[in-house]
């Protein structure tokens, strides 16, 4: 059994590469992106969604980054205010191929500061990861401003374990990604 964790779902992005479409309410296989990601976090002690409130299939705690649209680190800072568990799983709302099994692997691999999913190109996906809550808080507190801060800045010099799963590490950033995801899910 994995260590106890809370989940932070980042659901406040602008969806620029989707023409400003709210990714949280886009559907895949008849389910919104947000509800697909929330289903994966079922084992969390608490689920915190950062972004504008929306209807969800499970109870969640809603919060907003300040300023709204301030980026993923600002969203994490807001979400961390509601996390009590020693591990915080962080998932972007477009992590629609994440599975409960892969999430459990991330939590189990979080022996240092973080366990981060790696995509097919070998790139770390810091918004598909498990973090030691204390590490995230301490690291984020070091910055005078978190607005528009990059996750690579938070992870610089951290003890990161990588977990490879190219399928689960896919996200949906563009219309082509969405078309491919829908074709895959309907087949």
C-alpha atoms as a PDB file:
ATOM      1  CA  UNK A   1       0.000   0.000   0.000  1.00  0.00           C
ATOM      2  CA  UNK A   2       1.279   3.471  -0.887  1.00  0.00           C
ATOM      3  CA  UNK A   3       1.932   6.240   1.542  1.00  0.00           C
ATOM      4  CA  UNK A   4      -0.958   8.579   2.330  1.00  0.00           C
ATOM      5  CA  UNK A   5      -1.267  11.416  -0.202  1.00  0.00           C
ATOM      6  CA  UNK A   6      -3.392  14.388  -1.126  1.00  0.00           C
ATOM      7  CA  UNK A   7      -3.956  15.483  -4.712  1.00  0.00           C
ATOM      8  CA  UNK A   8      -3.706  18.899  -6.334  1.00  0.00           C
ATOM      9  CA  UNK A   9      -5.343  19.169  -9.751  1.00  0.00           C
ATOM     10  CA  UNK A  10      -4.323  22.231 -11.731  1.00  0.00           C
ATOM     11  CA  UNK A  11      -7.431  23.283 -13.649  1.00  0.00           C
ATOM     12  CA  UNK A  12      -6.967  26.979 -14.254  1.00  0.00           C
ATOM     13  CA  UNK A  13      -4.832  27.210 -17.379  1.00  0.00           C
ATOM     14  CA  UNK A  14      -5.726  29.446 -20.291  1.00  0.00           C
ATOM     15  CA  UNK A  15      -5.774  26.689 -22.941  1.00  0.00           C
ATOM     16  CA  UNK A  16      -3.916  28.987 -25.347  1.00  0.00           C
ATOM     17  CA  UNK A  17      -3.025  26.218 -27.798  1.00  0.00           C
ATOM     18  CA  UNK A  18      -6.691  25.204 -27.854  1.00  0.00           C
ATOM     19  CA  UNK A  19      -7.811  28.705 -28.764  1.00  0.00           C
ATOM     20  CA  UNK A  20      -8.646  29.604 -25.162  1.00  0.00           C
ATOM     21  CA  UNK A  21     -10.850  26.541 -24.639  1.00  0.00           C
ATOM     22  CA  UNK A  22     -11.339  25.578 -20.980  1.00  0.00           C
ATOM     23  CA  UNK A  23      -9.627  22.172 -20.921  1.00  0.00           C
ATOM     24  CA  UNK A  24     -11.399  21.141 -17.714  1.00  0.00           C
ATOM     25  CA  UNK A  25     -14.768  20.909 -19.486  1.00  0.00           C
ATOM     26  CA  UNK A  26     -13.538  19.357 -22.747  1.00  0.00           C
ATOM     27  CA  UNK A  27     -14.882  15.817 -23.027  1.00  0.00           C
ATOM     28  CA  UNK A  28     -13.074  12.621 -23.899  1.00  0.00           C
ATOM     29  CA  UNK A  29     -15.062   9.414 -24.075  1.00  0.00           C
ATOM     30  CA  UNK A  30     -18.111  11.201 -22.675  1.00  0.00           C
ATOM     31  CA  UNK A  31     -16.297  12.426 -19.546  1.00  0.00           C
ATOM     32  CA  UNK A  32     -14.793  15.853 -18.925  1.00  0.00           C
ATOM     33  CA  UNK A  33     -11.033  16.107 -18.638  1.00  0.00           C
ATOM     34  CA  UNK A  34     -11.495  17.234 -15.043  1.00  0.00           C
ATOM     35  CA  UNK A  35     -13.588  14.210 -14.075  1.00  0.00           C
ATOM     36  CA  UNK A  36     -11.149  11.841 -15.847  1.00  0.00           C
ATOM     37  CA  UNK A  37      -8.276  13.204 -13.769  1.00  0.00           C
ATOM     38  CA  UNK A  38     -10.333  13.233 -10.571  1.00  0.00           C
ATOM     39  CA  UNK A  39     -11.193   9.542 -11.060  1.00  0.00           C
ATOM     40  CA  UNK A  40      -7.480   8.726 -10.957  1.00  0.00           C
ATOM     41  CA  UNK A  41      -7.048  10.544  -7.632  1.00  0.00           C
ATOM     42  CA  UNK A  42      -9.681   8.427  -5.847  1.00  0.00           C
ATOM     43  CA  UNK A  43      -7.116   7.198  -3.283  1.00  0.00           C
ATOM     44  CA  UNK A  44      -6.238  10.707  -2.124  1.00  0.00           C
ATOM     45  CA  UNK A  45      -7.073  11.815   1.393  1.00  0.00           C
ATOM     46  CA  UNK A  46      -8.055  15.219   0.036  1.00  0.00           C
ATOM     47  CA  UNK A  47      -8.461  16.480  -3.521  1.00  0.00           C
ATOM     48  CA  UNK A  48      -7.777  20.153  -4.159  1.00  0.00           C
ATOM     49  CA  UNK A  49      -8.665  21.714  -7.508  1.00  0.00           C
ATOM     50  CA  UNK A  50      -7.021  24.997  -8.412  1.00  0.00           C
ATOM     51  CA  UNK A  51      -9.023  27.030 -10.909  1.00  0.00           C
ATOM     52  CA  UNK A  52     -12.513  28.380 -11.435  1.00  0.00           C
ATOM     53  CA  UNK A  53     -15.155  26.254  -9.694  1.00  0.00           C
ATOM     54  CA  UNK A  54     -16.920  23.740 -11.875  1.00  0.00           C
ATOM     55  CA  UNK A  55     -19.279  20.848 -11.308  1.00  0.00           C
ATOM     56  CA  UNK A  56     -17.385  17.637 -10.533  1.00  0.00           C
ATOM     57  CA  UNK A  57     -18.263  13.987 -10.088  1.00  0.00           C
ATOM     58  CA  UNK A  58     -16.569  13.823  -6.664  1.00  0.00           C
ATOM     59  CA  UNK A  59     -16.271  16.259  -3.753  1.00  0.00           C
ATOM     60  CA  UNK A  60     -13.222  18.519  -3.997  1.00  0.00           C
ATOM     61  CA  UNK A  61     -11.840  21.599  -2.278  1.00  0.00           C
ATOM     62  CA  UNK A  62     -11.679  24.547  -4.674  1.00  0.00           C
ATOM     63  CA  UNK A  63      -9.118  27.334  -4.515  1.00  0.00           C
ATOM     64  CA  UNK A  64      -7.580  29.895  -6.886  1.00  0.00           C
ATOM     65  CA  UNK A  65      -4.041  31.004  -7.529  1.00  0.00           C
ATOM     66  CA  UNK A  66      -3.262  34.674  -7.024  1.00  0.00           C
ATOM     67  CA  UNK A  67      -3.329  36.247  -9.435  1.00  0.00           C
ATOM     68  CA  UNK A  68      -5.648  34.028 -11.463  1.00  0.00           C
ATOM     69  CA  UNK A  69      -3.690  32.798 -14.457  1.00  0.00           C
ATOM     70  CA  UNK A  70      -0.416  33.156 -12.536  1.00  0.00           C
ATOM     71  CA  UNK A  71       0.920  29.825 -13.773  1.00  0.00           C
ATOM     72  CA  UNK A  72       1.502  26.369 -12.327  1.00  0.00           C
ATOM     73  CA  UNK A  73       3.768  27.354  -9.431  1.00  0.00           C
ATOM     74  CA  UNK A  74       1.284  29.983  -8.269  1.00  0.00           C
ATOM     75  CA  UNK A  75      -1.433  27.327  -8.534  1.00  0.00           C
ATOM     76  CA  UNK A  76       0.657  24.862  -6.528  1.00  0.00           C
ATOM     77  CA  UNK A  77       1.224  27.475  -3.843  1.00  0.00           C
ATOM     78  CA  UNK A  78      -2.553  27.963  -3.566  1.00  0.00           C
ATOM     79  CA  UNK A  79      -3.245  24.219  -3.554  1.00  0.00           C
ATOM     80  CA  UNK A  80      -0.621  23.497  -0.908  1.00  0.00           C
ATOM     81  CA  UNK A  81      -2.554  25.625   1.579  1.00  0.00           C
ATOM     82  CA  UNK A  82      -5.137  22.800   1.680  1.00  0.00           C
ATOM     83  CA  UNK A  83      -2.788  19.795   1.767  1.00  0.00           C
ATOM     84  CA  UNK A  84      -2.021  17.875   4.964  1.00  0.00           C
ATOM     85  CA  UNK A  85      -0.576  14.589   3.683  1.00  0.00           C
ATOM     86  CA  UNK A  86       3.194  13.984   3.499  1.00  0.00           C
ATOM     87  CA  UNK A  87       2.924  13.543  -0.286  1.00  0.00           C
ATOM     88  CA  UNK A  88       1.151  15.829  -2.725  1.00  0.00           C
ATOM     89  CA  UNK A  89       0.309  14.354  -6.096  1.00  0.00           C
ATOM     90  CA  UNK A  90       0.156  17.088  -8.731  1.00  0.00           C
ATOM     91  CA  UNK A  91      -1.771  16.562 -11.955  1.00  0.00           C
ATOM     92  CA  UNK A  92      -2.583  18.964 -14.733  1.00  0.00           C
ATOM     93  CA  UNK A  93      -6.206  18.793 -15.879  1.00  0.00           C
ATOM     94  CA  UNK A  94      -5.069  17.514 -19.292  1.00  0.00           C
ATOM     95  CA  UNK A  95      -3.331  14.443 -17.834  1.00  0.00           C
ATOM     96  CA  UNK A  96      -6.192  12.387 -19.268  1.00  0.00           C
ATOM     97  CA  UNK A  97      -4.143   9.237 -19.875  1.00  0.00           C
ATOM     98  CA  UNK A  98      -2.945   8.973 -16.274  1.00  0.00           C
ATOM     99  CA  UNK A  99      -4.087   5.803 -14.516  1.00  0.00           C
ATOM    100  CA  UNK A 100      -4.482   4.854 -10.885  1.00  0.00           C
ATOM    101  CA  UNK A 101      -1.724   2.260 -11.287  1.00  0.00           C
ATOM    102  CA  UNK A 102       0.744   4.845 -12.603  1.00  0.00           C
ATOM    103  CA  UNK A 103      -0.257   7.297  -9.880  1.00  0.00           C
ATOM    104  CA  UNK A 104       0.438   4.587  -7.279  1.00  0.00           C
ATOM    105  CA  UNK A 105       3.865   4.022  -8.877  1.00  0.00           C
ATOM    106  CA  UNK A 106       4.626   7.742  -8.594  1.00  0.00           C
ATOM    107  CA  UNK A 107       3.618   7.836  -4.928  1.00  0.00           C
ATOM    108  CA  UNK A 108       5.641   4.686  -4.214  1.00  0.00           C
ATOM    109  CA  UNK A 109       8.699   6.111  -5.975  1.00  0.00           C
ATOM    110  CA  UNK A 110       8.597   9.412  -4.065  1.00  0.00           C
ATOM    111  CA  UNK A 111      11.481   8.564  -1.739  1.00  0.00           C
ATOM    112  CA  UNK A 112      13.435  11.787  -2.245  1.00  0.00           C
ATOM    113  CA  UNK A 113      11.902  15.154  -3.029  1.00  0.00           C
ATOM    114  CA  UNK A 114       9.764  14.070  -5.982  1.00  0.00           C
ATOM    115  CA  UNK A 115       8.838  11.323  -8.429  1.00  0.00           C
ATOM    116  CA  UNK A 116       8.104  12.709 -11.880  1.00  0.00           C
ATOM    117  CA  UNK A 117       6.592  10.990 -14.901  1.00  0.00           C
ATOM    118  CA  UNK A 118       8.722  10.912 -18.054  1.00  0.00           C
ATOM    119  CA  UNK A 119       7.225  11.056 -21.555  1.00  0.00           C
ATOM    120  CA  UNK A 120       8.210   9.173 -24.721  1.00  0.00           C
ATOM    121  CA  UNK A 121      10.839  11.823 -25.569  1.00  0.00           C
ATOM    122  CA  UNK A 122      12.517  11.545 -22.177  1.00  0.00           C
ATOM    123  CA  UNK A 123      11.088  14.859 -20.935  1.00  0.00           C
ATOM    124  CA  UNK A 124      10.061  15.120 -17.313  1.00  0.00           C
ATOM    125  CA  UNK A 125       6.417  16.052 -16.756  1.00  0.00           C
ATOM    126  CA  UNK A 126       6.476  17.998 -13.455  1.00  0.00           C
ATOM    127  CA  UNK A 127       2.693  18.422 -13.572  1.00  0.00           C
ATOM    128  CA  UNK A 128       2.311  14.650 -13.475  1.00  0.00           C
ATOM    129  CA  UNK A 129       4.227  13.911 -10.325  1.00  0.00           C
ATOM    130  CA  UNK A 130       4.296  13.085  -6.631  1.00  0.00           C
ATOM    131  CA  UNK A 131       6.121  15.500  -4.337  1.00  0.00           C
ATOM    132  CA  UNK A 132       7.089  15.529  -0.701  1.00  0.00           C
ATOM    133  CA  UNK A 133       4.766  18.217   0.607  1.00  0.00           C
ATOM    134  CA  UNK A 134       7.458  19.698   2.855  1.00  0.00           C
ATOM    135  CA  UNK A 135       9.856  19.938  -0.111  1.00  0.00           C
ATOM    136  CA  UNK A 136       7.289  21.807  -2.242  1.00  0.00           C
ATOM    137  CA  UNK A 137       6.425  24.224   0.550  1.00  0.00           C
ATOM    138  CA  UNK A 138      10.062  24.918   1.406  1.00  0.00           C
ATOM    139  CA  UNK A 139      11.058  25.335  -2.233  1.00  0.00           C
ATOM    140  CA  UNK A 140       8.153  27.601  -3.169  1.00  0.00           C
ATOM    141  CA  UNK A 141       8.703  29.728  -0.030  1.00  0.00           C
ATOM    142  CA  UNK A 142      12.227  30.532  -1.284  1.00  0.00           C
ATOM    143  CA  UNK A 143      10.881  32.611  -4.144  1.00  0.00           C
ATOM    144  CA  UNK A 144       9.828  36.214  -3.615  1.00  0.00           C
ATOM    145  CA  UNK A 145       7.199  35.817  -6.367  1.00  0.00           C
ATOM    146  CA  UNK A 146       5.673  32.660  -7.784  1.00  0.00           C
ATOM    147  CA  UNK A 147       3.654  34.274 -10.557  1.00  0.00           C
ATOM    148  CA  UNK A 148       4.803  32.873 -13.922  1.00  0.00           C
ATOM    149  CA  UNK A 149       7.613  30.910 -12.254  1.00  0.00           C
ATOM    150  CA  UNK A 150       8.609  27.738 -14.129  1.00  0.00           C
ATOM    151  CA  UNK A 151       8.452  24.310 -12.500  1.00  0.00           C
ATOM    152  CA  UNK A 152      12.049  23.702 -13.602  1.00  0.00           C
ATOM    153  CA  UNK A 153      13.049  26.461 -11.162  1.00  0.00           C
ATOM    154  CA  UNK A 154      11.272  24.654  -8.331  1.00  0.00           C
ATOM    155  CA  UNK A 155      12.921  21.343  -9.246  1.00  0.00           C
ATOM    156  CA  UNK A 156      16.434  22.683  -9.757  1.00  0.00           C
ATOM    157  CA  UNK A 157      18.827  20.631  -7.626  1.00  0.00           C
ATOM    158  CA  UNK A 158      16.035  18.462  -6.194  1.00  0.00           C
ATOM    159  CA  UNK A 159      16.298  14.721  -5.538  1.00  0.00           C
ATOM    160  CA  UNK A 160      13.957  13.549  -8.317  1.00  0.00           C
ATOM    161  CA  UNK A 161      13.127   9.970  -9.206  1.00  0.00           C
ATOM    162  CA  UNK A 162      11.789   9.499 -12.719  1.00  0.00           C
ATOM    163  CA  UNK A 163       9.028   7.054 -13.578  1.00  0.00           C
ATOM    164  CA  UNK A 164       8.739   6.085 -17.213  1.00  0.00           C
ATOM    165  CA  UNK A 165       5.329   5.564 -18.736  1.00  0.00           C
ATOM    166  CA  UNK A 166       5.043   7.216 -22.145  1.00  0.00           C
ATOM    167  CA  UNK A 167       1.327   6.436 -22.440  1.00  0.00           C
ATOM    168  CA  UNK A 168       0.316   7.971 -19.117  1.00  0.00           C
ATOM    169  CA  UNK A 169       2.655  10.952 -19.629  1.00  0.00           C
ATOM    170  CA  UNK A 170       0.757  12.209 -22.667  1.00  0.00           C
ATOM    171  CA  UNK A 171      -1.220  15.391 -22.272  1.00  0.00           C
ATOM    172  CA  UNK A 172      -3.593  17.262 -24.547  1.00  0.00           C
ATOM    173  CA  UNK A 173      -2.217  20.631 -25.560  1.00  0.00           C
ATOM    174  CA  UNK A 174      -3.413  21.106 -29.144  1.00  0.00           C
ATOM    175  CA  UNK A 175      -6.402  20.318 -31.345  1.00  0.00           C
ATOM    176  CA  UNK A 176      -4.322  17.574 -33.011  1.00  0.00           C
ATOM    177  CA  UNK A 177      -3.644  16.045 -29.560  1.00  0.00           C
ATOM    178  CA  UNK A 178      -7.366  16.155 -28.795  1.00  0.00           C
ATOM    179  CA  UNK A 179      -8.317  14.573 -32.139  1.00  0.00           C
ATOM    180  CA  UNK A 180      -5.763  11.791 -31.581  1.00  0.00           C
ATOM    181  CA  UNK A 181      -7.002  11.204 -28.010  1.00  0.00           C
ATOM    182  CA  UNK A 182     -10.620  11.027 -29.146  1.00  0.00           C
ATOM    183  CA  UNK A 183      -9.730   8.599 -31.958  1.00  0.00           C
ATOM    184  CA  UNK A 184      -7.863   6.399 -29.473  1.00  0.00           C
ATOM    185  CA  UNK A 185     -10.601   6.433 -26.838  1.00  0.00           C
ATOM    186  CA  UNK A 186     -13.354   5.664 -29.361  1.00  0.00           C
ATOM    187  CA  UNK A 187     -11.486   2.729 -30.935  1.00  0.00           C
END
